Amino acid sequence: MRIDLGCGNNKFRDCIGIDRIAYPNTDIVHDFNRRLPLEDNSVDFVMASHSLQYVDDLHAVMEDIYRVCRHKAMVCIVAPYAHVTSHIVNPQYKQLFNEHSPRFWTKHAKTAIDNDDFLFSPKDS
């Protein structure tokens, strides 16, 4: 199963659209601040494009995404970069994202991004 969390009017291809608003492409009307109405280990792909910055408790939502995902599922998060001034002051944004965010979502010492890449941008090297 493929899901698009916060699909809005632009649901990602071949996905079940989940949104708190009943847009024409929304398949499941649901506030994903609450537990997703999906079985454990049932999802192969998650698209969360411009939606996670609005959640109340990002850690709880990420745990729920982990719950519904199968082993080796792909999770694609598209979010505004935290250090842009307009994003920092946007009162609707409850969560901020940057290149360090994924470190808080894994217990594994190895990550897809080298530790040096977290500390230095390519232009710094």
PDB file of N, CA and C in Angstrom:
ATOM      1  N   MET A   1       0.846  -1.176   0.000  1.00  0.00           N
ATOM      2  CA  MET A   1       0.000   0.000   0.000  1.00  0.00           C
ATOM      3  C   MET A   1       0.891   1.239   0.000  1.00  0.00           C
ATOM      4  N   ARG A   2       0.455   2.247  -0.735  1.00  0.00           N
ATOM      5  CA  ARG A   2       1.144   3.534  -0.811  1.00  0.00           C
ATOM      6  C   ARG A   2       0.196   4.602  -0.275  1.00  0.00           C
ATOM      7  N   ILE A   3       0.697   5.472   0.616  1.00  0.00           N
ATOM      8  CA  ILE A   3      -0.160   6.514   1.181  1.00  0.00           C
ATOM      9  C   ILE A   3       0.472   7.889   1.009  1.00  0.00           C
ATOM     10  N   ASP A   4      -0.392   8.889   0.931  1.00  0.00           N
ATOM     11  CA  ASP A   4       0.015  10.287   0.858  1.00  0.00           C
ATOM     12  C   ASP A   4      -0.628  11.000   2.044  1.00  0.00           C
ATOM     13  N   LEU A   5       0.187  11.337   3.057  1.00  0.00           N
ATOM     14  CA  LEU A   5      -0.314  12.019   4.248  1.00  0.00           C
ATOM     15  C   LEU A   5      -0.428  13.515   3.988  1.00  0.00           C
ATOM     16  N   GLY A   6      -1.615  14.038   4.115  1.00  0.00           N
ATOM     17  CA  GLY A   6      -1.838  15.449   3.824  1.00  0.00           C
ATOM     18  C   GLY A   6      -1.870  15.690   2.333  1.00  0.00           C
ATOM     19  N   CYS A   7      -2.580  14.835   1.620  1.00  0.00           N
ATOM     20  CA  CYS A   7      -2.562  14.853   0.153  1.00  0.00           C
ATOM     21  C   CYS A   7      -3.100  16.148  -0.449  1.00  0.00           C
ATOM     22  N   GLY A   8      -4.049  16.786   0.219  1.00  0.00           N
ATOM     23  CA  GLY A   8      -4.625  18.005  -0.343  1.00  0.00           C
ATOM     24  C   GLY A   8      -5.230  17.743  -1.706  1.00  0.00           C
ATOM     25  N   ASN A   9      -5.100  18.701  -2.608  1.00  0.00           N
ATOM     26  CA  ASN A   9      -5.631  18.569  -3.969  1.00  0.00           C
ATOM     27  C   ASN A   9      -4.662  17.863  -4.918  1.00  0.00           C
ATOM     28  N   ASN A  10      -3.445  17.599  -4.467  1.00  0.00           N
ATOM     29  CA  ASN A  10      -2.410  17.049  -5.347  1.00  0.00           C
ATOM     30  C   ASN A  10      -1.903  15.709  -4.825  1.00  0.00           C
ATOM     31  N   LYS A  11      -2.767  14.721  -4.802  1.00  0.00           N
ATOM     32  CA  LYS A  11      -2.388  13.407  -4.293  1.00  0.00           C
ATOM     33  C   LYS A  11      -1.275  12.806  -5.151  1.00  0.00           C
ATOM     34  N   PHE A  12      -0.264  12.254  -4.475  1.00  0.00           N
ATOM     35  CA  PHE A  12       0.854  11.618  -5.166  1.00  0.00           C
ATOM     36  C   PHE A  12       0.361  10.369  -5.882  1.00  0.00           C
ATOM     37  N   ARG A  13       0.941  10.078  -7.038  1.00  0.00           N
ATOM     38  CA  ARG A  13       0.461   8.996  -7.903  1.00  0.00           C
ATOM     39  C   ARG A  13       0.408   7.648  -7.187  1.00  0.00           C
ATOM     40  N   ASP A  14      -0.614   6.907  -7.492  1.00  0.00           N
ATOM     41  CA  ASP A  14      -0.815   5.540  -6.992  1.00  0.00           C
ATOM     42  C   ASP A  14      -0.873   5.450  -5.470  1.00  0.00           C
ATOM     43  N   CYS A  15      -1.288   6.518  -4.816  1.00  0.00           N
ATOM     44  CA  CYS A  15      -1.364   6.538  -3.355  1.00  0.00           C
ATOM     45  C   CYS A  15      -2.804   6.651  -2.876  1.00  0.00           C
ATOM     46  N   ILE A  16      -3.012   6.185  -1.663  1.00  0.00           N
ATOM     47  CA  ILE A  16      -4.258   6.440  -0.950  1.00  0.00           C
ATOM     48  C   ILE A  16      -4.064   7.779  -0.251  1.00  0.00           C
ATOM     49  N   GLY A  17      -4.910   8.742  -0.557  1.00  0.00           N
ATOM     50  CA  GLY A  17      -4.786  10.077   0.007  1.00  0.00           C
ATOM     51  C   GLY A  17      -5.443  10.174   1.371  1.00  0.00           C
ATOM     52  N   ILE A  18      -4.668  10.651   2.352  1.00  0.00           N
ATOM     53  CA  ILE A  18      -5.176  10.838   3.705  1.00  0.00           C
ATOM     54  C   ILE A  18      -5.028  12.310   4.050  1.00  0.00           C
ATOM     55  N   ASP A  19      -6.145  12.936   4.386  1.00  0.00           N
ATOM     56  CA  ASP A  19      -6.122  14.354   4.734  1.00  0.00           C
ATOM     57  C   ASP A  19      -7.260  14.625   5.708  1.00  0.00           C
ATOM     58  N   ARG A  20      -7.110  15.669   6.512  1.00  0.00           N
ATOM     59  CA  ARG A  20      -8.182  16.013   7.458  1.00  0.00           C
ATOM     60  C   ARG A  20      -9.320  16.760   6.773  1.00  0.00           C
ATOM     61  N   ILE A  21      -9.077  17.201   5.556  1.00  0.00           N
ATOM     62  CA  ILE A  21     -10.097  17.889   4.762  1.00  0.00           C
ATOM     63  C   ILE A  21     -10.504  16.982   3.610  1.00  0.00           C
ATOM     64  N   ALA A  22     -11.792  16.931   3.330  1.00  0.00           N
ATOM     65  CA  ALA A  22     -12.316  16.051   2.273  1.00  0.00           C
ATOM     66  C   ALA A  22     -12.158  16.708   0.897  1.00  0.00           C
ATOM     67  N   TYR A  23     -10.918  16.786   0.432  1.00  0.00           N
ATOM     68  CA  TYR A  23     -10.672  17.273  -0.932  1.00  0.00           C
ATOM     69  C   TYR A  23     -11.176  16.217  -1.910  1.00  0.00           C
ATOM     70  N   PRO A  24     -11.367  16.582  -3.179  1.00  0.00           N
ATOM     71  CA  PRO A  24     -11.846  15.594  -4.156  1.00  0.00           C
ATOM     72  C   PRO A  24     -10.973  14.336  -4.241  1.00  0.00           C
ATOM     73  N   ASN A  25      -9.657  14.466  -4.028  1.00  0.00           N
ATOM     74  CA  ASN A  25      -8.756  13.313  -4.129  1.00  0.00           C
ATOM     75  C   ASN A  25      -8.499  12.623  -2.791  1.00  0.00           C
ATOM     76  N   THR A  26      -9.115  13.093  -1.716  1.00  0.00           N
ATOM     77  CA  THR A  26      -8.907  12.469  -0.408  1.00  0.00           C
ATOM     78  C   THR A  26      -9.684  11.168  -0.345  1.00  0.00           C
ATOM     79  N   ASP A  27      -8.981  10.084  -0.038  1.00  0.00           N
ATOM     80  CA  ASP A  27      -9.618   8.776   0.088  1.00  0.00           C
ATOM     81  C   ASP A  27     -10.045   8.492   1.523  1.00  0.00           C
ATOM     82  N   ILE A  28      -9.227   8.947   2.488  1.00  0.00           N
ATOM     83  CA  ILE A  28      -9.536   8.752   3.901  1.00  0.00           C
ATOM     84  C   ILE A  28      -9.460  10.114   4.587  1.00  0.00           C
ATOM     85  N   VAL A  29     -10.581  10.570   5.112  1.00  0.00           N
ATOM     86  CA  VAL A  29     -10.602  11.823   5.867  1.00  0.00           C
ATOM     87  C   VAL A  29     -10.200  11.485   7.297  1.00  0.00           C
ATOM     88  N   HIS A  30      -9.043  12.012   7.699  1.00  0.00           N
ATOM     89  CA  HIS A  30      -8.492  11.645   9.002  1.00  0.00           C
ATOM     90  C   HIS A  30      -7.451  12.674   9.427  1.00  0.00           C
ATOM     91  N   ASP A  31      -7.470  13.050  10.674  1.00  0.00           N
ATOM     92  CA  ASP A  31      -6.456  13.928  11.250  1.00  0.00           C
ATOM     93  C   ASP A  31      -5.305  13.039  11.706  1.00  0.00           C
ATOM     94  N   PHE A  32      -4.157  13.089  11.018  1.00  0.00           N
ATOM     95  CA  PHE A  32      -3.084  12.169  11.365  1.00  0.00           C
ATOM     96  C   PHE A  32      -2.301  12.602  12.595  1.00  0.00           C
ATOM     97  N   ASN A  33      -2.839  13.571  13.370  1.00  0.00           N
ATOM     98  CA  ASN A  33      -2.368  13.772  14.735  1.00  0.00           C
ATOM     99  C   ASN A  33      -2.837  12.606  15.609  1.00  0.00           C
ATOM    100  N   ARG A  34      -3.844  11.899  15.124  1.00  0.00           N
ATOM    101  CA  ARG A  34      -4.341  10.696  15.807  1.00  0.00           C
ATOM    102  C   ARG A  34      -3.807   9.463  15.073  1.00  0.00           C
ATOM    103  N   ARG A  35      -3.866   8.340  15.732  1.00  0.00           N
ATOM    104  CA  ARG A  35      -3.369   7.073  15.168  1.00  0.00           C
ATOM    105  C   ARG A  35      -3.981   6.835  13.791  1.00  0.00           C
ATOM    106  N   LEU A  36      -3.142   6.480  12.838  1.00  0.00           N
ATOM    107  CA  LEU A  36      -3.615   6.220  11.479  1.00  0.00           C
ATOM    108  C   LEU A  36      -4.510   4.985  11.458  1.00  0.00           C
ATOM    109  N   PRO A  37      -5.602   5.036  10.701  1.00  0.00           N
ATOM    110  CA  PRO A  37      -6.529   3.890  10.640  1.00  0.00           C
ATOM    111  C   PRO A  37      -6.032   2.817   9.660  1.00  0.00           C
ATOM    112  N   LEU A  38      -4.791   2.391   9.865  1.00  0.00           N
ATOM    113  CA  LEU A  38      -4.155   1.412   8.988  1.00  0.00           C
ATOM    114  C   LEU A  38      -3.550   0.300   9.838  1.00  0.00           C
ATOM    115  N   GLU A  39      -3.449  -0.876   9.246  1.00  0.00           N
ATOM    116  CA  GLU A  39      -2.867  -2.031   9.925  1.00  0.00           C
ATOM    117  C   GLU A  39      -1.352  -1.845  10.105  1.00  0.00           C
ATOM    118  N   ASP A  40      -0.801  -2.441  11.132  1.00  0.00           N
ATOM    119  CA  ASP A  40       0.649  -2.477  11.320  1.00  0.00           C
ATOM    120  C   ASP A  40       1.294  -3.151  10.105  1.00  0.00           C
ATOM    121  N   ASN A  41       2.464  -2.668   9.716  1.00  0.00           N
ATOM    122  CA  ASN A  41       3.255  -3.282   8.639  1.00  0.00           C
ATOM    123  C   ASN A  41       2.473  -3.457   7.338  1.00  0.00           C
ATOM    124  N   SER A  42       1.715  -2.446   6.965  1.00  0.00           N
ATOM    125  CA  SER A  42       0.881  -2.563   5.766  1.00  0.00           C
ATOM    126  C   SER A  42       1.261  -1.584   4.651  1.00  0.00           C
ATOM    127  N   VAL A  43       2.223  -0.711   4.900  1.00  0.00           N
ATOM    128  CA  VAL A  43       2.536   0.368   3.956  1.00  0.00           C
ATOM    129  C   VAL A  43       3.953   0.194   3.408  1.00  0.00           C
ATOM    130  N   ASP A  44       4.081   0.336   2.085  1.00  0.00           N
ATOM    131  CA  ASP A  44       5.378   0.245   1.414  1.00  0.00           C
ATOM    132  C   ASP A  44       5.975   1.610   1.095  1.00  0.00           C
ATOM    133  N   PHE A  45       5.119   2.629   1.002  1.00  0.00           N
ATOM    134  CA  PHE A  45       5.564   3.962   0.587  1.00  0.00           C
ATOM    135  C   PHE A  45       4.708   5.018   1.274  1.00  0.00           C
ATOM    136  N   VAL A  46       5.374   6.024   1.833  1.00  0.00           N
ATOM    137  CA  VAL A  46       4.683   7.159   2.459  1.00  0.00           C
ATOM    138  C   VAL A  46       5.190   8.438   1.818  1.00  0.00           C
ATOM    139  N   MET A  47       4.276   9.248   1.331  1.00  0.00           N
ATOM    140  CA  MET A  47       4.597  10.598   0.884  1.00  0.00           C
ATOM    141  C   MET A  47       3.996  11.550   1.915  1.00  0.00           C
ATOM    142  N   ALA A  48       4.815  12.426   2.452  1.00  0.00           N
ATOM    143  CA  ALA A  48       4.349  13.459   3.374  1.00  0.00           C
ATOM    144  C   ALA A  48       4.921  14.776   2.879  1.00  0.00           C
ATOM    145  N   SER A  49       4.220  15.386   1.945  1.00  0.00           N
ATOM    146  CA  SER A  49       4.703  16.598   1.308  1.00  0.00           C
ATOM    147  C   SER A  49       3.999  17.819   1.880  1.00  0.00           C
ATOM    148  N   HIS A  50       4.771  18.657   2.535  1.00  0.00           N
ATOM    149  CA  HIS A  50       4.280  19.911   3.109  1.00  0.00           C
ATOM    150  C   HIS A  50       3.098  19.679   4.048  1.00  0.00           C
ATOM    151  N   SER A  51       3.228  18.660   4.908  1.00  0.00           N
ATOM    152  CA  SER A  51       2.157  18.370   5.864  1.00  0.00           C
ATOM    153  C   SER A  51       2.674  18.184   7.289  1.00  0.00           C
ATOM    154  N   LEU A  52       3.851  17.626   7.459  1.00  0.00           N
ATOM    155  CA  LEU A  52       4.328  17.304   8.810  1.00  0.00           C
ATOM    156  C   LEU A  52       4.680  18.536   9.643  1.00  0.00           C
ATOM    157  N   GLN A  53       4.896  19.670   9.010  1.00  0.00           N
ATOM    158  CA  GLN A  53       5.209  20.871   9.792  1.00  0.00           C
ATOM    159  C   GLN A  53       3.991  21.361  10.587  1.00  0.00           C
ATOM    160  N   TYR A  54       2.812  20.826  10.280  1.00  0.00           N
ATOM    161  CA  TYR A  54       1.578  21.244  10.959  1.00  0.00           C
ATOM    162  C   TYR A  54       1.141  20.315  12.089  1.00  0.00           C
ATOM    163  N   VAL A  55       1.816  19.170  12.277  1.00  0.00           N
ATOM    164  CA  VAL A  55       1.359  18.214  13.285  1.00  0.00           C
ATOM    165  C   VAL A  55       1.675  18.700  14.693  1.00  0.00           C
ATOM    166  N   ASP A  56       0.878  18.236  15.644  1.00  0.00           N
ATOM    167  CA  ASP A  56       1.048  18.652  17.038  1.00  0.00           C
ATOM    168  C   ASP A  56       2.269  18.005  17.684  1.00  0.00           C
ATOM    169  N   ASP A  57       2.444  16.707  17.472  1.00  0.00           N
ATOM    170  CA  ASP A  57       3.518  15.949  18.113  1.00  0.00           C
ATOM    171  C   ASP A  57       4.236  15.132  17.045  1.00  0.00           C
ATOM    172  N   LEU A  58       5.302  15.687  16.499  1.00  0.00           N
ATOM    173  CA  LEU A  58       6.014  15.055  15.394  1.00  0.00           C
ATOM    174  C   LEU A  58       6.540  13.678  15.783  1.00  0.00           C
ATOM    175  N   HIS A  59       7.057  13.554  16.992  1.00  0.00           N
ATOM    176  CA  HIS A  59       7.595  12.256  17.423  1.00  0.00           C
ATOM    177  C   HIS A  59       6.503  11.182  17.397  1.00  0.00           C
ATOM    178  N   ALA A  60       5.321  11.494  17.881  1.00  0.00           N
ATOM    179  CA  ALA A  60       4.209  10.528  17.880  1.00  0.00           C
ATOM    180  C   ALA A  60       3.791  10.172  16.456  1.00  0.00           C
ATOM    181  N   VAL A  61       3.744  11.153  15.574  1.00  0.00           N
ATOM    182  CA  VAL A  61       3.369  10.897  14.181  1.00  0.00           C
ATOM    183  C   VAL A  61       4.427  10.030  13.509  1.00  0.00           C
ATOM    184  N   MET A  62       5.705  10.301  13.759  1.00  0.00           N
ATOM    185  CA  MET A  62       6.769   9.484  13.168  1.00  0.00           C
ATOM    186  C   MET A  62       6.711   8.049  13.700  1.00  0.00           C
ATOM    187  N   GLU A  63       6.398   7.890  14.969  1.00  0.00           N
ATOM    188  CA  GLU A  63       6.248   6.534  15.514  1.00  0.00           C
ATOM    189  C   GLU A  63       5.088   5.801  14.844  1.00  0.00           C
ATOM    190  N   ASP A  64       4.008   6.528  14.553  1.00  0.00           N
ATOM    191  CA  ASP A  64       2.871   5.896  13.892  1.00  0.00           C
ATOM    192  C   ASP A  64       3.201   5.544  12.444  1.00  0.00           C
ATOM    193  N   ILE A  65       3.950   6.394  11.775  1.00  0.00           N
ATOM    194  CA  ILE A  65       4.407   6.075  10.418  1.00  0.00           C
ATOM    195  C   ILE A  65       5.265   4.811  10.468  1.00  0.00           C
ATOM    196  N   TYR A  66       6.151   4.730  11.445  1.00  0.00           N
ATOM    197  CA  TYR A  66       6.986   3.534  11.607  1.00  0.00           C
ATOM    198  C   TYR A  66       6.115   2.304  11.850  1.00  0.00           C
ATOM    199  N   ARG A  67       5.066   2.460  12.644  1.00  0.00           N
ATOM    200  CA  ARG A  67       4.170   1.342  12.956  1.00  0.00           C
ATOM    201  C   ARG A  67       3.519   0.769  11.707  1.00  0.00           C
ATOM    202  N   VAL A  68       3.038   1.639  10.820  1.00  0.00           N
ATOM    203  CA  VAL A  68       2.299   1.156   9.649  1.00  0.00           C
ATOM    204  C   VAL A  68       3.207   0.702   8.513  1.00  0.00           C
ATOM    205  N   CYS A  69       4.480   1.111   8.552  1.00  0.00           N
ATOM    206  CA  CYS A  69       5.393   0.763   7.458  1.00  0.00           C
ATOM    207  C   CYS A  69       5.952  -0.640   7.602  1.00  0.00           C
ATOM    208  N   ARG A  70       6.066  -1.299   6.443  1.00  0.00           N
ATOM    209  CA  ARG A  70       6.751  -2.589   6.371  1.00  0.00           C
ATOM    210  C   ARG A  70       8.250  -2.354   6.440  1.00  0.00           C
ATOM    211  N   HIS A  71       8.981  -3.403   6.705  1.00  0.00           N
ATOM    212  CA  HIS A  71      10.437  -3.332   6.682  1.00  0.00           C
ATOM    213  C   HIS A  71      10.890  -2.860   5.301  1.00  0.00           C
ATOM    214  N   LYS A  72      11.778  -1.903   5.270  1.00  0.00           N
ATOM    215  CA  LYS A  72      12.348  -1.307   4.060  1.00  0.00           C
ATOM    216  C   LYS A  72      11.350  -0.452   3.269  1.00  0.00           C
ATOM    217  N   ALA A  73      10.294   0.004   3.915  1.00  0.00           N
ATOM    218  CA  ALA A  73       9.376   0.943   3.257  1.00  0.00           C
ATOM    219  C   ALA A  73      10.119   2.245   2.993  1.00  0.00           C
ATOM    220  N   MET A  74       9.675   2.972   1.979  1.00  0.00           N
ATOM    221  CA  MET A  74      10.262   4.263   1.661  1.00  0.00           C
ATOM    222  C   MET A  74       9.351   5.358   2.221  1.00  0.00           C
ATOM    223  N   VAL A  75       9.952   6.282   2.973  1.00  0.00           N
ATOM    224  CA  VAL A  75       9.209   7.419   3.531  1.00  0.00           C
ATOM    225  C   VAL A  75       9.828   8.677   2.955  1.00  0.00           C
ATOM    226  N   CYS A  76       9.033   9.434   2.210  1.00  0.00           N
ATOM    227  CA  CYS A  76       9.499  10.665   1.572  1.00  0.00           C
ATOM    228  C   CYS A  76       8.853  11.857   2.283  1.00  0.00           C
ATOM    229  N   ILE A  77       9.692  12.674   2.903  1.00  0.00           N
ATOM    230  CA  ILE A  77       9.210  13.861   3.608  1.00  0.00           C
ATOM    231  C   ILE A  77       9.701  15.091   2.870  1.00  0.00           C
ATOM    232  N   VAL A  78       8.772  15.940   2.473  1.00  0.00           N
ATOM    233  CA  VAL A  78       9.102  17.227   1.867  1.00  0.00           C
ATOM    234  C   VAL A  78       8.589  18.274   2.839  1.00  0.00           C
ATOM    235  N   ALA A  79       9.505  19.103   3.346  1.00  0.00           N
ATOM    236  CA  ALA A  79       9.121  20.095   4.357  1.00  0.00           C
ATOM    237  C   ALA A  79       9.916  21.373   4.141  1.00  0.00           C
ATOM    238  N   PRO A  80       9.357  22.496   4.552  1.00  0.00           N
ATOM    239  CA  PRO A  80      10.092  23.763   4.436  1.00  0.00           C
ATOM    240  C   PRO A  80      11.356  23.742   5.291  1.00  0.00           C
ATOM    241  N   TYR A  81      12.402  24.351   4.790  1.00  0.00           N
ATOM    242  CA  TYR A  81      13.664  24.397   5.521  1.00  0.00           C
ATOM    243  C   TYR A  81      13.544  25.358   6.697  1.00  0.00           C
ATOM    244  N   ALA A  82      13.890  24.883   7.877  1.00  0.00           N
ATOM    245  CA  ALA A  82      13.664  25.618   9.129  1.00  0.00           C
ATOM    246  C   ALA A  82      14.332  26.978   9.191  1.00  0.00           C
ATOM    247  N   HIS A  83      15.496  27.116   8.577  1.00  0.00           N
ATOM    248  CA  HIS A  83      16.282  28.328   8.779  1.00  0.00           C
ATOM    249  C   HIS A  83      15.891  29.491   7.867  1.00  0.00           C
ATOM    250  N   VAL A  84      14.861  29.303   7.080  1.00  0.00           N
ATOM    251  CA  VAL A  84      14.352  30.409   6.274  1.00  0.00           C
ATOM    252  C   VAL A  84      13.502  31.275   7.207  1.00  0.00           C
ATOM    253  N   THR A  85      13.777  32.555   7.245  1.00  0.00           N
ATOM    254  CA  THR A  85      13.140  33.451   8.208  1.00  0.00           C
ATOM    255  C   THR A  85      11.621  33.353   8.204  1.00  0.00           C
ATOM    256  N   SER A  86      11.008  33.285   7.041  1.00  0.00           N
ATOM    257  CA  SER A  86       9.544  33.236   6.985  1.00  0.00           C
ATOM    258  C   SER A  86       8.996  31.938   7.573  1.00  0.00           C
ATOM    259  N   HIS A  87       9.781  30.869   7.542  1.00  0.00           N
ATOM    260  CA  HIS A  87       9.333  29.603   8.125  1.00  0.00           C
ATOM    261  C   HIS A  87       9.455  29.631   9.644  1.00  0.00           C
ATOM    262  N   ILE A  88      10.499  30.260  10.148  1.00  0.00           N
ATOM    263  CA  ILE A  88      10.712  30.337  11.588  1.00  0.00           C
ATOM    264  C   ILE A  88       9.567  31.085  12.259  1.00  0.00           C
ATOM    265  N   VAL A  89       9.053  32.110  11.619  1.00  0.00           N
ATOM    266  CA  VAL A  89       8.016  32.944  12.249  1.00  0.00           C
ATOM    267  C   VAL A  89       6.599  32.565  11.848  1.00  0.00           C
ATOM    268  N   ASN A  90       6.429  31.596  10.955  1.00  0.00           N
ATOM    269  CA  ASN A  90       5.081  31.206  10.529  1.00  0.00           C
ATOM    270  C   ASN A  90       4.343  30.591  11.718  1.00  0.00           C
ATOM    271  N   PRO A  91       3.283  31.233  12.220  1.00  0.00           N
ATOM    272  CA  PRO A  91       2.603  30.731  13.417  1.00  0.00           C
ATOM    273  C   PRO A  91       1.856  29.416  13.188  1.00  0.00           C
ATOM    274  N   GLN A  92       1.631  29.027  11.942  1.00  0.00           N
ATOM    275  CA  GLN A  92       0.949  27.765  11.675  1.00  0.00           C
ATOM    276  C   GLN A  92       1.904  26.574  11.711  1.00  0.00           C
ATOM    277  N   TYR A  93       3.198  26.825  11.562  1.00  0.00           N
ATOM    278  CA  TYR A  93       4.180  25.740  11.597  1.00  0.00           C
ATOM    279  C   TYR A  93       4.454  25.362  13.050  1.00  0.00           C
ATOM    280  N   LYS A  94       4.182  24.121  13.369  1.00  0.00           N
ATOM    281  CA  LYS A  94       4.421  23.627  14.719  1.00  0.00           C
ATOM    282  C   LYS A  94       5.739  22.872  14.804  1.00  0.00           C
ATOM    283  N   GLN A  95       6.261  22.434  13.653  1.00  0.00           N
ATOM    284  CA  GLN A  95       7.506  21.671  13.591  1.00  0.00           C
ATOM    285  C   GLN A  95       8.427  22.315  12.562  1.00  0.00           C
ATOM    286  N   LEU A  96       9.715  22.307  12.860  1.00  0.00           N
ATOM    287  CA  LEU A  96      10.708  22.812  11.927  1.00  0.00           C
ATOM    288  C   LEU A  96      11.620  21.668  11.502  1.00  0.00           C
ATOM    289  N   PHE A  97      12.064  21.707  10.255  1.00  0.00           N
ATOM    290  CA  PHE A  97      12.888  20.642   9.685  1.00  0.00           C
ATOM    291  C   PHE A  97      14.171  21.223   9.105  1.00  0.00           C
ATOM    292  N   ASN A  98      15.263  20.477   9.299  1.00  0.00           N
ATOM    293  CA  ASN A  98      16.512  20.796   8.625  1.00  0.00           C
ATOM    294  C   ASN A  98      17.288  19.500   8.408  1.00  0.00           C
ATOM    295  N   GLU A  99      18.550  19.617   8.014  1.00  0.00           N
ATOM    296  CA  GLU A  99      19.331  18.426   7.684  1.00  0.00           C
ATOM    297  C   GLU A  99      19.607  17.544   8.908  1.00  0.00           C
ATOM    298  N   HIS A 100      19.383  18.026  10.097  1.00  0.00           N
ATOM    299  CA  HIS A 100      19.601  17.236  11.312  1.00  0.00           C
ATOM    300  C   HIS A 100      18.360  16.469  11.759  1.00  0.00           C
ATOM    301  N   SER A 101      17.195  16.789  11.248  1.00  0.00           N
ATOM    302  CA  SER A 101      15.946  16.161  11.687  1.00  0.00           C
ATOM    303  C   SER A 101      15.976  14.636  11.661  1.00  0.00           C
ATOM    304  N   PRO A 102      16.467  14.004  10.598  1.00  0.00           N
ATOM    305  CA  PRO A 102      16.432  12.528  10.556  1.00  0.00           C
ATOM    306  C   PRO A 102      17.210  11.847  11.681  1.00  0.00           C
ATOM    307  N   ARG A 103      18.198  12.526  12.244  1.00  0.00           N
ATOM    308  CA  ARG A 103      18.966  11.935  13.338  1.00  0.00           C
ATOM    309  C   ARG A 103      18.084  11.565  14.528  1.00  0.00           C
ATOM    310  N   PHE A 104      16.994  12.264  14.703  1.00  0.00           N
ATOM    311  CA  PHE A 104      16.118  12.037  15.845  1.00  0.00           C
ATOM    312  C   PHE A 104      15.102  10.928  15.591  1.00  0.00           C
ATOM    313  N   TRP A 105      15.088  10.385  14.376  1.00  0.00           N
ATOM    314  CA  TRP A 105      14.088   9.379  14.021  1.00  0.00           C
ATOM    315  C   TRP A 105      14.678   7.990  13.876  1.00  0.00           C
ATOM    316  N   THR A 106      15.932   7.819  14.194  1.00  0.00           N
ATOM    317  CA  THR A 106      16.534   6.495  14.061  1.00  0.00           C
ATOM    318  C   THR A 106      17.384   6.179  15.284  1.00  0.00           C
ATOM    319  N   LYS A 107      17.410   4.913  15.629  1.00  0.00           N
ATOM    320  CA  LYS A 107      18.252   4.451  16.728  1.00  0.00           C
ATOM    321  C   LYS A 107      19.553   3.874  16.198  1.00  0.00           C
ATOM    322  N   HIS A 108      19.688   3.821  14.878  1.00  0.00           N
ATOM    323  CA  HIS A 108      20.842   3.193  14.263  1.00  0.00           C
ATOM    324  C   HIS A 108      22.010   4.169  14.153  1.00  0.00           C
ATOM    325  N   ALA A 109      23.190   3.679  14.439  1.00  0.00           N
ATOM    326  CA  ALA A 109      24.387   4.514  14.344  1.00  0.00           C
ATOM    327  C   ALA A 109      24.687   4.877  12.895  1.00  0.00           C
ATOM    328  N   LYS A 110      24.395   3.962  11.968  1.00  0.00           N
ATOM    329  CA  LYS A 110      24.633   4.227  10.550  1.00  0.00           C
ATOM    330  C   LYS A 110      23.412   4.920   9.955  1.00  0.00           C
ATOM    331  N   THR A 111      23.659   5.932   9.187  1.00  0.00           N
ATOM    332  CA  THR A 111      22.577   6.631   8.492  1.00  0.00           C
ATOM    333  C   THR A 111      22.923   6.710   7.019  1.00  0.00           C
ATOM    334  N   ALA A 112      21.958   7.052   6.210  1.00  0.00           N
ATOM    335  CA  ALA A 112      22.188   7.178   4.770  1.00  0.00           C
ATOM    336  C   ALA A 112      23.086   8.367   4.460  1.00  0.00           C
ATOM    337  N   ILE A 113      23.127   9.335   5.367  1.00  0.00           N
ATOM    338  CA  ILE A 113      23.950  10.527   5.167  1.00  0.00           C
ATOM    339  C   ILE A 113      25.169  10.430   6.078  1.00  0.00           C
ATOM    340  N   ASP A 114      26.338  10.619   5.515  1.00  0.00           N
ATOM    341  CA  ASP A 114      27.572  10.580   6.283  1.00  0.00           C
ATOM    342  C   ASP A 114      27.538  11.651   7.372  1.00  0.00           C
ATOM    343  N   ASN A 115      28.102  11.357   8.538  1.00  0.00           N
ATOM    344  CA  ASN A 115      28.103  12.317   9.645  1.00  0.00           C
ATOM    345  C   ASN A 115      28.721  13.652   9.256  1.00  0.00           C
ATOM    346  N   ASP A 116      29.766  13.643   8.435  1.00  0.00           N
ATOM    347  CA  ASP A 116      30.388  14.894   8.006  1.00  0.00           C
ATOM    348  C   ASP A 116      29.428  15.755   7.189  1.00  0.00           C
ATOM    349  N   ASP A 117      28.525  15.110   6.467  1.00  0.00           N
ATOM    350  CA  ASP A 117      27.564  15.869   5.667  1.00  0.00           C
ATOM    351  C   ASP A 117      26.556  16.603   6.537  1.00  0.00           C
ATOM    352  N   PHE A 118      26.348  16.147   7.752  1.00  0.00           N
ATOM    353  CA  PHE A 118      25.478  16.870   8.674  1.00  0.00           C
ATOM    354  C   PHE A 118      26.144  18.159   9.153  1.00  0.00           C
ATOM    355  N   LEU A 119      27.484  18.139   9.235  1.00  0.00           N
ATOM    356  CA  LEU A 119      28.210  19.247   9.819  1.00  0.00           C
ATOM    357  C   LEU A 119      28.640  20.293   8.810  1.00  0.00           C
ATOM    358  N   PHE A 120      28.910  19.863   7.584  1.00  0.00           N
ATOM    359  CA  PHE A 120      29.443  20.774   6.587  1.00  0.00           C
ATOM    360  C   PHE A 120      28.641  20.666   5.294  1.00  0.00           C
ATOM    361  N   SER A 121      28.326  21.797   4.720  1.00  0.00           N
ATOM    362  CA  SER A 121      27.693  21.767   3.416  1.00  0.00           C
ATOM    363  C   SER A 121      28.785  21.588   2.373  1.00  0.00           C
ATOM    364  N   PRO A 122      28.431  21.115   1.157  1.00  0.00           N
ATOM    365  CA  PRO A 122      29.457  20.904   0.123  1.00  0.00           C
ATOM    366  C   PRO A 122      30.301  22.139  -0.158  1.00  0.00           C
ATOM    367  N   LYS A 123      29.738  23.326  -0.020  1.00  0.00           N
ATOM    368  CA  LYS A 123      30.510  24.533  -0.300  1.00  0.00           C
ATOM    369  C   LYS A 123      31.557  24.811   0.778  1.00  0.00           C
ATOM    370  N   ASP A 124      31.404  24.223   1.995  1.00  0.00           N
ATOM    371  CA  ASP A 124      32.368  24.419   3.064  1.00  0.00           C
ATOM    372  C   ASP A 124      33.622  23.591   2.897  1.00  0.00           C
ATOM    373  N   SER A 125      33.537  22.497   2.105  1.00  0.00           N
ATOM    374  CA  SER A 125      34.695  21.600   1.996  1.00  0.00           C
ATOM    375  C   SER A 125      35.725  22.090   1.005  1.00  0.00           C
TER     376      SER A 125
END
